[in-house]
Amino acid sequence: MSDNPYKSGNSSNENDSRIVSEFGSKFSIKEPTRKPFIYGWLWVQDAINILKKNPVFWVRFSLYYFALSLFLPNLIIVLNTPVLSFFIQTFLGFVLLAFFSIYAFKVDINKLDGIDSKGAIAKSASSFLTLTAVYLLSFIVVIVVIGGILGIYLKSIGFWEGIDFSNADSQVTQEQILNRFQDLFFMQDDSISNEGFKLILIFGPVFALFILLITMLFFYAPILIVFNKCQIFQAMSLSFKAFIVNVIPFALYGVIVIGVFSPLVIFLFEDNLFVLRAIFIILTIPLNISIYTSYRDIFSLSYSADQDERGVNRETAFYV
């Protein structure tokens, strides 16, 4: 029997049985491995190949995803609670990523039957709730830290002078603060002021760095929880390590993702482009699958036949 029971290219029935049975328990947890530069492209290519294996399946899945995207804004309006809305959206995002990864795995090994996807998600539901709470807390910490530093800086330039904080919730006080920010950031011709530009230049990169760190911690965490049955902080640690040891391929991967999807973001802010929104959702399918393919490679879960037949020496090519 092969040393790699998760190799999907020429798996035997016995190996397929092991895959199905072990998915219900857990795959062995492996440290993230360093991959060559070219993997940033291969992850996207592998995702497209998995999509092409069963396009009807993925189109149907994207329709469910699209329906959920229409439902969530209405839910947020009904709840009228930003923190709770953020929590629900994040939780559903983690669950969807886990579903995407399980289904991508099933298509990848040509085993659509025999793996209880819903059961695997249900077993990890409590972990996803905890992970969501930690994610929300991380953003609160970022906002408090950056907001505190910004508040101290604004005090040093006299921004808060003359504002009545005796009733901070009053509309008058809020309008005073809003007007001060408008005066600080914009000149009379609506162009950005020097002070506003300086604030963006200082705090923009700091905020982006915090967001990057949060992304690194949580990017693979849902998959590691559902596939490897990792504990919350163990999954976050492994996810962070995966980025640290694969900075170069992730840089290429990021350029590809930004290049393909950034022009489409404008469709999300239009009110009457129903069809274009649907196209955007469909085009996010390869992106979500590519998270699985990168996880599979970095954590040595499995290799597909498509990869083996590509003729690329995946262990030595384009190391930087």
C-alpha atoms as a PDB file:
ATOM      1  CA  MET A   1       0.000   0.000   0.000  1.00  0.00           C
ATOM      2  CA  SER A   2       1.237   3.518  -0.798  1.00  0.00           C
ATOM      3  CA  ASP A   3       2.919   5.531   1.931  1.00  0.00           C
ATOM      4  CA  ASN A   4       0.515   8.366   1.193  1.00  0.00           C
ATOM      5  CA  PRO A   5      -3.084   7.166   1.668  1.00  0.00           C
ATOM      6  CA  TYR A   6      -4.403  10.575   0.607  1.00  0.00           C
ATOM      7  CA  LYS A   7      -2.760  10.593  -2.808  1.00  0.00           C
ATOM      8  CA  SER A   8      -5.631  10.937  -5.247  1.00  0.00           C
ATOM      9  CA  GLY A   9      -4.016  10.150  -8.575  1.00  0.00           C
ATOM     10  CA  ASN A  10      -4.117   6.336  -8.474  1.00  0.00           C
ATOM     11  CA  SER A  11      -5.783   5.610  -5.148  1.00  0.00           C
ATOM     12  CA  SER A  12      -7.041   2.114  -4.524  1.00  0.00           C
ATOM     13  CA  ASN A  13     -10.461   1.336  -3.046  1.00  0.00           C
ATOM     14  CA  GLU A  14      -8.755   0.479   0.206  1.00  0.00           C
ATOM     15  CA  ASN A  15      -7.105   3.899   0.310  1.00  0.00           C
ATOM     16  CA  ASP A  16     -10.394   5.610  -0.525  1.00  0.00           C
ATOM     17  CA  SER A  17     -11.973   3.806   2.428  1.00  0.00           C
ATOM     18  CA  ARG A  18      -9.219   5.077   4.703  1.00  0.00           C
ATOM     19  CA  ILE A  19      -9.794   8.620   3.468  1.00  0.00           C
ATOM     20  CA  VAL A  20     -13.511   8.424   4.215  1.00  0.00           C
ATOM     21  CA  SER A  21     -13.123   6.832   7.618  1.00  0.00           C
ATOM     22  CA  GLU A  22     -10.266   9.049   8.773  1.00  0.00           C
ATOM     23  CA  PHE A  23     -12.104  12.191   7.722  1.00  0.00           C
ATOM     24  CA  GLY A  24     -14.610  11.383  10.439  1.00  0.00           C
ATOM     25  CA  SER A  25     -11.801  11.352  13.006  1.00  0.00           C
ATOM     26  CA  LYS A  26      -8.900  13.471  11.807  1.00  0.00           C
ATOM     27  CA  PHE A  27      -5.976  13.655   9.434  1.00  0.00           C
ATOM     28  CA  SER A  28      -2.545  13.698  10.987  1.00  0.00           C
ATOM     29  CA  ILE A  29      -1.425  17.207  11.893  1.00  0.00           C
ATOM     30  CA  LYS A  30       1.714  18.231  10.031  1.00  0.00           C
ATOM     31  CA  GLU A  31       3.844  21.337  10.283  1.00  0.00           C
ATOM     32  CA  PRO A  32       3.506  23.650   7.264  1.00  0.00           C
ATOM     33  CA  THR A  33       6.148  23.081   4.600  1.00  0.00           C
ATOM     34  CA  ARG A  34       7.958  25.682   2.546  1.00  0.00           C
ATOM     35  CA  LYS A  35       6.894  25.784  -1.090  1.00  0.00           C
ATOM     36  CA  PRO A  36       8.501  27.328  -4.187  1.00  0.00           C
ATOM     37  CA  PHE A  37       7.509  30.651  -5.717  1.00  0.00           C
ATOM     38  CA  ILE A  38       5.595  28.991  -8.582  1.00  0.00           C
ATOM     39  CA  TYR A  39       3.106  27.470  -6.134  1.00  0.00           C
ATOM     40  CA  GLY A  40       1.382  30.866  -5.918  1.00  0.00           C
ATOM     41  CA  TRP A  41       0.173  30.219  -9.469  1.00  0.00           C
ATOM     42  CA  LEU A  42      -0.211  26.434  -9.145  1.00  0.00           C
ATOM     43  CA  TRP A  43      -2.721  26.808  -6.311  1.00  0.00           C
ATOM     44  CA  VAL A  44      -4.982  28.849  -8.592  1.00  0.00           C
ATOM     45  CA  GLN A  45      -4.410  26.443 -11.503  1.00  0.00           C
ATOM     46  CA  ASP A  46      -5.236  23.453  -9.316  1.00  0.00           C
ATOM     47  CA  ALA A  47      -8.417  25.194  -8.149  1.00  0.00           C
ATOM     48  CA  ILE A  48      -9.501  25.688 -11.764  1.00  0.00           C
ATOM     49  CA  ASN A  49      -8.767  22.004 -12.490  1.00  0.00           C
ATOM     50  CA  ILE A  50     -10.921  20.926  -9.532  1.00  0.00           C
ATOM     51  CA  LEU A  51     -13.661  23.239 -10.793  1.00  0.00           C
ATOM     52  CA  LYS A  52     -13.465  21.683 -14.254  1.00  0.00           C
ATOM     53  CA  LYS A  53     -13.776  18.152 -12.840  1.00  0.00           C
ATOM     54  CA  ASN A  54     -17.375  18.771 -11.806  1.00  0.00           C
ATOM     55  CA  PRO A  55     -18.583  22.189 -13.042  1.00  0.00           C
ATOM     56  CA  VAL A  56     -22.295  21.428 -12.526  1.00  0.00           C
ATOM     57  CA  PHE A  57     -21.640  20.648  -8.880  1.00  0.00           C
ATOM     58  CA  TRP A  58     -19.787  23.935  -8.340  1.00  0.00           C
ATOM     59  CA  VAL A  59     -22.334  26.053 -10.214  1.00  0.00           C
ATOM     60  CA  ARG A  60     -25.083  24.594  -8.023  1.00  0.00           C
ATOM     61  CA  PHE A  61     -22.994  25.305  -4.943  1.00  0.00           C
ATOM     62  CA  SER A  62     -22.399  28.892  -6.122  1.00  0.00           C
ATOM     63  CA  LEU A  63     -26.177  29.400  -6.410  1.00  0.00           C
ATOM     64  CA  TYR A  64     -26.560  28.488  -2.724  1.00  0.00           C
ATOM     65  CA  TYR A  65     -23.730  30.893  -1.965  1.00  0.00           C
ATOM     66  CA  PHE A  66     -25.421  33.628  -4.027  1.00  0.00           C
ATOM     67  CA  ALA A  67     -28.750  33.105  -2.246  1.00  0.00           C
ATOM     68  CA  LEU A  68     -26.984  33.472   1.092  1.00  0.00           C
ATOM     69  CA  SER A  69     -25.296  36.680  -0.098  1.00  0.00           C
ATOM     70  CA  LEU A  70     -28.743  38.128  -0.836  1.00  0.00           C
ATOM     71  CA  PHE A  71     -30.103  37.027   2.529  1.00  0.00           C
ATOM     72  CA  LEU A  72     -27.302  38.416   4.722  1.00  0.00           C
ATOM     73  CA  PRO A  73     -27.837  42.155   4.002  1.00  0.00           C
ATOM     74  CA  ASN A  74     -31.501  41.826   4.938  1.00  0.00           C
ATOM     75  CA  LEU A  75     -30.528  40.004   8.124  1.00  0.00           C
ATOM     76  CA  ILE A  76     -28.143  42.817   9.049  1.00  0.00           C
ATOM     77  CA  ILE A  77     -30.892  45.415   8.513  1.00  0.00           C
ATOM     78  CA  VAL A  78     -33.299  43.447  10.726  1.00  0.00           C
ATOM     79  CA  LEU A  79     -30.773  42.915  13.502  1.00  0.00           C
ATOM     80  CA  ASN A  80     -29.580  46.543  13.446  1.00  0.00           C
ATOM     81  CA  THR A  81     -26.692  45.496  15.689  1.00  0.00           C
ATOM     82  CA  PRO A  82     -23.264  45.874  14.034  1.00  0.00           C
ATOM     83  CA  VAL A  83     -21.384  43.573  16.419  1.00  0.00           C
ATOM     84  CA  LEU A  84     -23.947  40.762  16.192  1.00  0.00           C
ATOM     85  CA  SER A  85     -24.162  41.174  12.415  1.00  0.00           C
ATOM     86  CA  PHE A  86     -20.373  40.987  12.129  1.00  0.00           C
ATOM     87  CA  PHE A  87     -20.344  37.882  14.332  1.00  0.00           C
ATOM     88  CA  ILE A  88     -22.974  36.088  12.228  1.00  0.00           C
ATOM     89  CA  GLN A  89     -21.300  36.991   8.935  1.00  0.00           C
ATOM     90  CA  THR A  90     -17.903  35.831  10.186  1.00  0.00           C
ATOM     91  CA  PHE A  91     -19.295  32.576  11.549  1.00  0.00           C
ATOM     92  CA  LEU A  92     -21.074  31.819   8.276  1.00  0.00           C
ATOM     93  CA  GLY A  93     -17.890  32.718   6.402  1.00  0.00           C
ATOM     94  CA  PHE A  94     -15.891  30.158   8.385  1.00  0.00           C
ATOM     95  CA  VAL A  95     -18.582  27.516   7.857  1.00  0.00           C
ATOM     96  CA  LEU A  96     -18.718  28.219   4.112  1.00  0.00           C
ATOM     97  CA  LEU A  97     -14.929  27.990   3.820  1.00  0.00           C
ATOM     98  CA  ALA A  98     -15.034  24.607   5.576  1.00  0.00           C
ATOM     99  CA  PHE A  99     -17.801  23.421   3.228  1.00  0.00           C
ATOM    100  CA  PHE A 100     -15.886  24.632   0.192  1.00  0.00           C
ATOM    101  CA  SER A 101     -12.777  22.795   1.360  1.00  0.00           C
ATOM    102  CA  ILE A 102     -14.577  19.529   2.099  1.00  0.00           C
ATOM    103  CA  TYR A 103     -16.356  19.555  -1.258  1.00  0.00           C
ATOM    104  CA  ALA A 104     -13.134  20.485  -3.050  1.00  0.00           C
ATOM    105  CA  PHE A 105     -11.445  17.561  -1.296  1.00  0.00           C
ATOM    106  CA  LYS A 106     -14.248  15.214  -2.387  1.00  0.00           C
ATOM    107  CA  VAL A 107     -13.986  16.351  -5.998  1.00  0.00           C
ATOM    108  CA  ASP A 108     -10.190  16.232  -5.813  1.00  0.00           C
ATOM    109  CA  ILE A 109     -10.185  12.539  -4.843  1.00  0.00           C
ATOM    110  CA  ASN A 110     -13.178  11.692  -7.075  1.00  0.00           C
ATOM    111  CA  LYS A 111     -15.152  10.578  -4.027  1.00  0.00           C
ATOM    112  CA  LEU A 112     -18.391  12.557  -3.890  1.00  0.00           C
ATOM    113  CA  ASP A 113     -20.166   9.884  -1.837  1.00  0.00           C
ATOM    114  CA  GLY A 114     -19.246   8.464   1.527  1.00  0.00           C
ATOM    115  CA  ILE A 115     -18.010  11.640   3.235  1.00  0.00           C
ATOM    116  CA  ASP A 116     -20.515  13.218   5.611  1.00  0.00           C
ATOM    117  CA  SER A 117     -19.799  16.902   4.981  1.00  0.00           C
ATOM    118  CA  LYS A 118     -22.644  18.209   7.136  1.00  0.00           C
ATOM    119  CA  GLY A 119     -21.678  15.884   9.966  1.00  0.00           C
ATOM    120  CA  ALA A 120     -18.067  17.071   9.837  1.00  0.00           C
ATOM    121  CA  ILE A 121     -19.218  20.705   9.992  1.00  0.00           C
ATOM    122  CA  ALA A 122     -21.665  19.969  12.812  1.00  0.00           C
ATOM    123  CA  LYS A 123     -18.902  18.380  14.896  1.00  0.00           C
ATOM    124  CA  SER A 124     -16.835  21.534  14.500  1.00  0.00           C
ATOM    125  CA  ALA A 125     -19.669  24.036  15.063  1.00  0.00           C
ATOM    126  CA  SER A 126     -18.683  24.884  18.639  1.00  0.00           C
ATOM    127  CA  SER A 127     -15.083  25.409  17.545  1.00  0.00           C
ATOM    128  CA  PHE A 128     -16.243  27.728  14.754  1.00  0.00           C
ATOM    129  CA  LEU A 129     -18.263  29.745  17.273  1.00  0.00           C
ATOM    130  CA  THR A 130     -15.212  30.098  19.513  1.00  0.00           C
ATOM    131  CA  LEU A 131     -13.015  30.942  16.524  1.00  0.00           C
ATOM    132  CA  THR A 132     -15.517  33.632  15.493  1.00  0.00           C
ATOM    133  CA  ALA A 133     -15.461  35.117  18.992  1.00  0.00           C
ATOM    134  CA  VAL A 134     -11.649  35.242  18.939  1.00  0.00           C
ATOM    135  CA  TYR A 135     -11.755  36.812  15.466  1.00  0.00           C
ATOM    136  CA  LEU A 136     -14.216  39.466  16.649  1.00  0.00           C
ATOM    137  CA  LEU A 137     -12.105  40.128  19.756  1.00  0.00           C
ATOM    138  CA  SER A 138      -9.032  40.543  17.533  1.00  0.00           C
ATOM    139  CA  PHE A 139     -10.755  43.268  15.538  1.00  0.00           C
ATOM    140  CA  ILE A 140     -11.947  44.973  18.711  1.00  0.00           C
ATOM    141  CA  VAL A 141      -8.354  45.001  20.017  1.00  0.00           C
ATOM    142  CA  VAL A 142      -7.114  46.460  16.716  1.00  0.00           C
ATOM    143  CA  ILE A 143      -9.788  49.175  16.753  1.00  0.00           C
ATOM    144  CA  VAL A 144      -9.098  50.041  20.408  1.00  0.00           C
ATOM    145  CA  VAL A 145      -5.316  50.175  19.918  1.00  0.00           C
ATOM    146  CA  ILE A 146      -5.367  52.191  16.691  1.00  0.00           C
ATOM    147  CA  GLY A 147      -8.267  54.342  17.921  1.00  0.00           C
ATOM    148  CA  GLY A 148      -6.409  55.056  21.170  1.00  0.00           C
ATOM    149  CA  ILE A 149      -3.225  56.083  19.365  1.00  0.00           C
ATOM    150  CA  LEU A 150      -5.234  58.209  16.927  1.00  0.00           C
ATOM    151  CA  GLY A 151      -7.115  59.836  19.809  1.00  0.00           C
ATOM    152  CA  ILE A 152      -3.853  60.749  21.563  1.00  0.00           C
ATOM    153  CA  TYR A 153      -2.459  62.207  18.346  1.00  0.00           C
ATOM    154  CA  LEU A 154      -5.621  64.237  17.721  1.00  0.00           C
ATOM    155  CA  LYS A 155      -5.432  65.593  21.259  1.00  0.00           C
ATOM    156  CA  SER A 156      -1.858  66.726  20.637  1.00  0.00           C
ATOM    157  CA  ILE A 157      -3.024  68.895  17.714  1.00  0.00           C
ATOM    158  CA  GLY A 158      -6.013  70.308  19.622  1.00  0.00           C
ATOM    159  CA  PHE A 159      -8.662  68.380  17.702  1.00  0.00           C
ATOM    160  CA  TRP A 160     -10.905  67.798  20.734  1.00  0.00           C
ATOM    161  CA  GLU A 161     -10.850  71.388  22.052  1.00  0.00           C
ATOM    162  CA  GLY A 162     -14.278  73.024  22.195  1.00  0.00           C
ATOM    163  CA  ILE A 163     -16.253  69.792  21.839  1.00  0.00           C
ATOM    164  CA  ASP A 164     -18.810  69.176  24.587  1.00  0.00           C
ATOM    165  CA  PHE A 165     -18.461  65.584  25.841  1.00  0.00           C
ATOM    166  CA  SER A 166     -20.933  65.961  28.712  1.00  0.00           C
ATOM    167  CA  ASN A 167     -23.409  64.036  26.559  1.00  0.00           C
ATOM    168  CA  ALA A 168     -21.276  62.077  24.082  1.00  0.00           C
ATOM    169  CA  ASP A 169     -24.304  60.287  22.645  1.00  0.00           C
ATOM    170  CA  SER A 170     -26.082  63.496  21.659  1.00  0.00           C
ATOM    171  CA  GLN A 171     -26.548  64.298  17.990  1.00  0.00           C
ATOM    172  CA  VAL A 172     -24.956  67.725  18.483  1.00  0.00           C
ATOM    173  CA  THR A 173     -21.725  66.222  19.830  1.00  0.00           C
ATOM    174  CA  GLN A 174     -21.581  63.649  17.060  1.00  0.00           C
ATOM    175  CA  GLU A 175     -22.102  66.353  14.434  1.00  0.00           C
ATOM    176  CA  GLN A 176     -19.323  68.426  16.026  1.00  0.00           C
ATOM    177  CA  ILE A 177     -16.883  65.506  15.803  1.00  0.00           C
ATOM    178  CA  LEU A 178     -17.931  64.726  12.210  1.00  0.00           C
ATOM    179  CA  ASN A 179     -17.447  68.346  11.168  1.00  0.00           C
ATOM    180  CA  ARG A 180     -14.017  68.419  12.810  1.00  0.00           C
ATOM    181  CA  PHE A 181     -12.966  65.321  10.867  1.00  0.00           C
ATOM    182  CA  GLN A 182     -14.227  66.852   7.631  1.00  0.00           C
ATOM    183  CA  ASP A 183     -12.256  70.026   8.329  1.00  0.00           C
ATOM    184  CA  LEU A 184      -9.179  67.997   9.251  1.00  0.00           C
ATOM    185  CA  PHE A 185      -9.171  65.731   6.195  1.00  0.00           C
ATOM    186  CA  PHE A 186     -10.536  67.983   3.466  1.00  0.00           C
ATOM    187  CA  MET A 187      -9.875  71.501   2.225  1.00  0.00           C
ATOM    188  CA  GLN A 188     -12.533  73.831   0.846  1.00  0.00           C
ATOM    189  CA  ASP A 189     -12.147  72.425  -2.672  1.00  0.00           C
ATOM    190  CA  ASP A 190     -12.805  68.895  -1.263  1.00  0.00           C
ATOM    191  CA  SER A 191      -9.212  67.797  -1.888  1.00  0.00           C
ATOM    192  CA  ILE A 192      -7.378  65.960   0.883  1.00  0.00           C
ATOM    193  CA  SER A 193      -5.547  68.273   3.242  1.00  0.00           C
ATOM    194  CA  ASN A 194      -1.886  67.846   4.182  1.00  0.00           C
ATOM    195  CA  GLU A 195      -2.881  66.810   7.710  1.00  0.00           C
ATOM    196  CA  GLY A 196      -5.393  64.300   6.366  1.00  0.00           C
ATOM    197  CA  PHE A 197      -2.838  62.878   3.958  1.00  0.00           C
ATOM    198  CA  LYS A 198      -0.320  62.530   6.790  1.00  0.00           C
ATOM    199  CA  LEU A 199      -2.829  60.656   8.941  1.00  0.00           C
ATOM    200  CA  ILE A 200      -3.643  58.273   6.080  1.00  0.00           C
ATOM    201  CA  LEU A 201       0.073  57.758   5.410  1.00  0.00           C
ATOM    202  CA  ILE A 202       0.763  56.933   9.062  1.00  0.00           C
ATOM    203  CA  PHE A 203      -2.291  54.988  10.162  1.00  0.00           C
ATOM    204  CA  GLY A 204      -3.179  53.340   6.838  1.00  0.00           C
ATOM    205  CA  PRO A 205      -0.135  51.008   6.767  1.00  0.00           C
ATOM    206  CA  VAL A 206      -0.489  50.313  10.504  1.00  0.00           C
ATOM    207  CA  PHE A 207      -4.120  49.261  10.060  1.00  0.00           C
ATOM    208  CA  ALA A 208      -3.204  47.209   6.967  1.00  0.00           C
ATOM    209  CA  LEU A 209      -0.465  45.440   8.951  1.00  0.00           C
ATOM    210  CA  PHE A 210      -2.915  44.501  11.701  1.00  0.00           C
ATOM    211  CA  ILE A 211      -5.392  43.193   9.105  1.00  0.00           C
ATOM    212  CA  LEU A 212      -2.614  41.153   7.480  1.00  0.00           C
ATOM    213  CA  LEU A 213      -1.669  39.612  10.830  1.00  0.00           C
ATOM    214  CA  ILE A 214      -5.312  38.711  11.534  1.00  0.00           C
ATOM    215  CA  THR A 215      -5.614  37.192   8.054  1.00  0.00           C
ATOM    216  CA  MET A 216      -2.478  35.105   8.618  1.00  0.00           C
ATOM    217  CA  LEU A 217      -3.854  33.790  11.911  1.00  0.00           C
ATOM    218  CA  PHE A 218      -7.316  32.843  10.624  1.00  0.00           C
ATOM    219  CA  PHE A 219      -6.776  32.015   6.936  1.00  0.00           C
ATOM    220  CA  TYR A 220      -6.417  28.239   7.373  1.00  0.00           C
ATOM    221  CA  ALA A 221      -7.889  27.947  10.867  1.00  0.00           C
ATOM    222  CA  PRO A 222     -11.388  26.727   9.794  1.00  0.00           C
ATOM    223  CA  ILE A 223      -9.882  24.067   7.496  1.00  0.00           C
ATOM    224  CA  LEU A 224      -7.421  22.890  10.131  1.00  0.00           C
ATOM    225  CA  ILE A 225     -10.267  22.611  12.627  1.00  0.00           C
ATOM    226  CA  VAL A 226     -12.544  20.541  10.388  1.00  0.00           C
ATOM    227  CA  PHE A 227      -9.856  18.427   8.674  1.00  0.00           C
ATOM    228  CA  ASN A 228      -7.264  18.015  11.413  1.00  0.00           C
ATOM    229  CA  LYS A 229      -9.439  18.561  14.490  1.00  0.00           C
ATOM    230  CA  CYS A 230      -6.993  21.193  15.729  1.00  0.00           C
ATOM    231  CA  GLN A 231      -7.695  23.227  18.814  1.00  0.00           C
ATOM    232  CA  ILE A 232      -8.494  26.895  18.176  1.00  0.00           C
ATOM    233  CA  PHE A 233      -5.120  28.405  19.042  1.00  0.00           C
ATOM    234  CA  GLN A 234      -3.234  25.474  17.539  1.00  0.00           C
ATOM    235  CA  ALA A 235      -5.040  26.072  14.236  1.00  0.00           C
ATOM    236  CA  MET A 236      -4.276  29.792  14.386  1.00  0.00           C
ATOM    237  CA  SER A 237      -0.615  29.095  15.129  1.00  0.00           C
ATOM    238  CA  LEU A 238      -0.273  26.646  12.214  1.00  0.00           C
ATOM    239  CA  SER A 239      -2.047  29.081   9.888  1.00  0.00           C
ATOM    240  CA  PHE A 240       0.354  31.849  10.879  1.00  0.00           C
ATOM    241  CA  LYS A 241       3.374  29.573  10.375  1.00  0.00           C
ATOM    242  CA  ALA A 242       2.085  28.597   6.929  1.00  0.00           C
ATOM    243  CA  PHE A 243       2.250  32.246   5.846  1.00  0.00           C
ATOM    244  CA  ILE A 244       5.629  32.885   7.462  1.00  0.00           C
ATOM    245  CA  VAL A 245       7.363  29.986   5.688  1.00  0.00           C
ATOM    246  CA  ASN A 246       5.614  30.703   2.354  1.00  0.00           C
ATOM    247  CA  VAL A 247       5.896  34.469   2.035  1.00  0.00           C
ATOM    248  CA  ILE A 248       7.162  34.317  -1.560  1.00  0.00           C
ATOM    249  CA  PRO A 249       4.446  32.073  -3.088  1.00  0.00           C
ATOM    250  CA  PHE A 250       1.786  33.947  -1.123  1.00  0.00           C
ATOM    251  CA  ALA A 251       3.048  37.214  -2.600  1.00  0.00           C
ATOM    252  CA  LEU A 252       2.481  35.813  -6.100  1.00  0.00           C
ATOM    253  CA  TYR A 253      -0.872  34.355  -5.044  1.00  0.00           C
ATOM    254  CA  GLY A 254      -1.946  37.721  -3.659  1.00  0.00           C
ATOM    255  CA  VAL A 255      -0.998  39.552  -6.844  1.00  0.00           C
ATOM    256  CA  ILE A 256      -3.034  37.076  -8.915  1.00  0.00           C
ATOM    257  CA  VAL A 257      -6.094  37.303  -6.662  1.00  0.00           C
ATOM    258  CA  ILE A 258      -5.996  41.100  -6.460  1.00  0.00           C
ATOM    259  CA  GLY A 259      -5.426  41.397 -10.201  1.00  0.00           C
ATOM    260  CA  VAL A 260      -8.394  39.188 -11.063  1.00  0.00           C
ATOM    261  CA  PHE A 261     -10.921  40.257  -8.454  1.00  0.00           C
ATOM    262  CA  SER A 262     -10.243  43.933  -7.708  1.00  0.00           C
ATOM    263  CA  PRO A 263     -11.974  45.172 -10.915  1.00  0.00           C
ATOM    264  CA  LEU A 264     -15.059  43.175  -9.929  1.00  0.00           C
ATOM    265  CA  VAL A 265     -15.405  44.691  -6.462  1.00  0.00           C
ATOM    266  CA  ILE A 266     -17.141  47.719  -7.963  1.00  0.00           C
ATOM    267  CA  PHE A 267     -20.122  45.497  -8.790  1.00  0.00           C
ATOM    268  CA  LEU A 268     -20.802  44.962  -5.086  1.00  0.00           C
ATOM    269  CA  PHE A 269     -21.523  48.656  -4.606  1.00  0.00           C
ATOM    270  CA  GLU A 270     -24.039  48.960  -7.405  1.00  0.00           C
ATOM    271  CA  ASP A 271     -27.756  48.650  -6.640  1.00  0.00           C
ATOM    272  CA  ASN A 272     -29.173  47.290  -9.878  1.00  0.00           C
ATOM    273  CA  LEU A 273     -26.553  44.890 -11.180  1.00  0.00           C
ATOM    274  CA  PHE A 274     -28.105  41.627 -10.064  1.00  0.00           C
ATOM    275  CA  VAL A 275     -26.546  39.553 -12.865  1.00  0.00           C
ATOM    276  CA  LEU A 276     -23.090  41.037 -12.365  1.00  0.00           C
ATOM    277  CA  ARG A 277     -23.281  40.282  -8.647  1.00  0.00           C
ATOM    278  CA  ALA A 278     -24.124  36.688  -9.534  1.00  0.00           C
ATOM    279  CA  ILE A 279     -21.101  36.554 -11.852  1.00  0.00           C
ATOM    280  CA  PHE A 280     -18.920  37.907  -9.059  1.00  0.00           C
ATOM    281  CA  ILE A 281     -20.131  35.173  -6.707  1.00  0.00           C
ATOM    282  CA  ILE A 282     -19.436  32.492  -9.327  1.00  0.00           C
ATOM    283  CA  LEU A 283     -15.939  33.851  -9.906  1.00  0.00           C
ATOM    284  CA  THR A 284     -15.190  33.635  -6.191  1.00  0.00           C
ATOM    285  CA  ILE A 285     -15.582  29.850  -6.369  1.00  0.00           C
ATOM    286  CA  PRO A 286     -12.037  29.254  -7.740  1.00  0.00           C
ATOM    287  CA  LEU A 287     -10.699  31.608  -5.074  1.00  0.00           C
ATOM    288  CA  ASN A 288     -12.307  29.584  -2.293  1.00  0.00           C
ATOM    289  CA  ILE A 289     -11.124  26.323  -3.856  1.00  0.00           C
ATOM    290  CA  SER A 290      -7.592  27.736  -4.087  1.00  0.00           C
ATOM    291  CA  ILE A 291      -7.571  28.137  -0.301  1.00  0.00           C
ATOM    292  CA  TYR A 292      -8.110  24.371  -0.107  1.00  0.00           C
ATOM    293  CA  THR A 293      -5.446  23.594  -2.741  1.00  0.00           C
ATOM    294  CA  SER A 294      -2.878  25.757  -0.968  1.00  0.00           C
ATOM    295  CA  TYR A 295      -3.770  24.113   2.376  1.00  0.00           C
ATOM    296  CA  ARG A 296      -3.434  20.676   0.761  1.00  0.00           C
ATOM    297  CA  ASP A 297       0.049  21.439  -0.518  1.00  0.00           C
ATOM    298  CA  ILE A 298       1.416  23.335   2.466  1.00  0.00           C
ATOM    299  CA  PHE A 299       0.161  20.801   5.004  1.00  0.00           C
ATOM    300  CA  SER A 300       0.925  17.790   2.741  1.00  0.00           C
ATOM    301  CA  LEU A 301      -2.640  16.500   2.733  1.00  0.00           C
ATOM    302  CA  SER A 302      -2.711  15.079  -0.781  1.00  0.00           C
ATOM    303  CA  TYR A 303      -1.611  15.559  -4.365  1.00  0.00           C
ATOM    304  CA  SER A 304      -3.941  15.288  -7.328  1.00  0.00           C
ATOM    305  CA  ALA A 305      -3.330  13.474 -10.590  1.00  0.00           C
ATOM    306  CA  ASP A 306      -3.377  16.827 -12.388  1.00  0.00           C
ATOM    307  CA  GLN A 307      -0.405  17.970 -10.359  1.00  0.00           C
ATOM    308  CA  ASP A 308       1.563  14.792 -10.975  1.00  0.00           C
ATOM    309  CA  GLU A 309       0.969  14.965 -14.723  1.00  0.00           C
ATOM    310  CA  ARG A 310       2.038  18.594 -14.997  1.00  0.00           C
ATOM    311  CA  GLY A 311       5.700  17.679 -15.197  1.00  0.00           C
ATOM    312  CA  VAL A 312       6.754  20.315 -12.665  1.00  0.00           C
ATOM    313  CA  ASN A 313       9.247  19.351  -9.996  1.00  0.00           C
ATOM    314  CA  ARG A 314       7.150  20.801  -7.209  1.00  0.00           C
ATOM    315  CA  GLU A 315       9.800  20.333  -4.535  1.00  0.00           C
ATOM    316  CA  THR A 316      12.618  22.283  -6.227  1.00  0.00           C
ATOM    317  CA  ALA A 317      11.179  24.615  -8.849  1.00  0.00           C
ATOM    318  CA  PHE A 318      11.556  28.381  -8.396  1.00  0.00           C
ATOM    319  CA  TYR A 319      12.676  28.446  -4.777  1.00  0.00           C
ATOM    320  CA  VAL A 320      13.605  32.017  -3.877  1.00  0.00           C
END
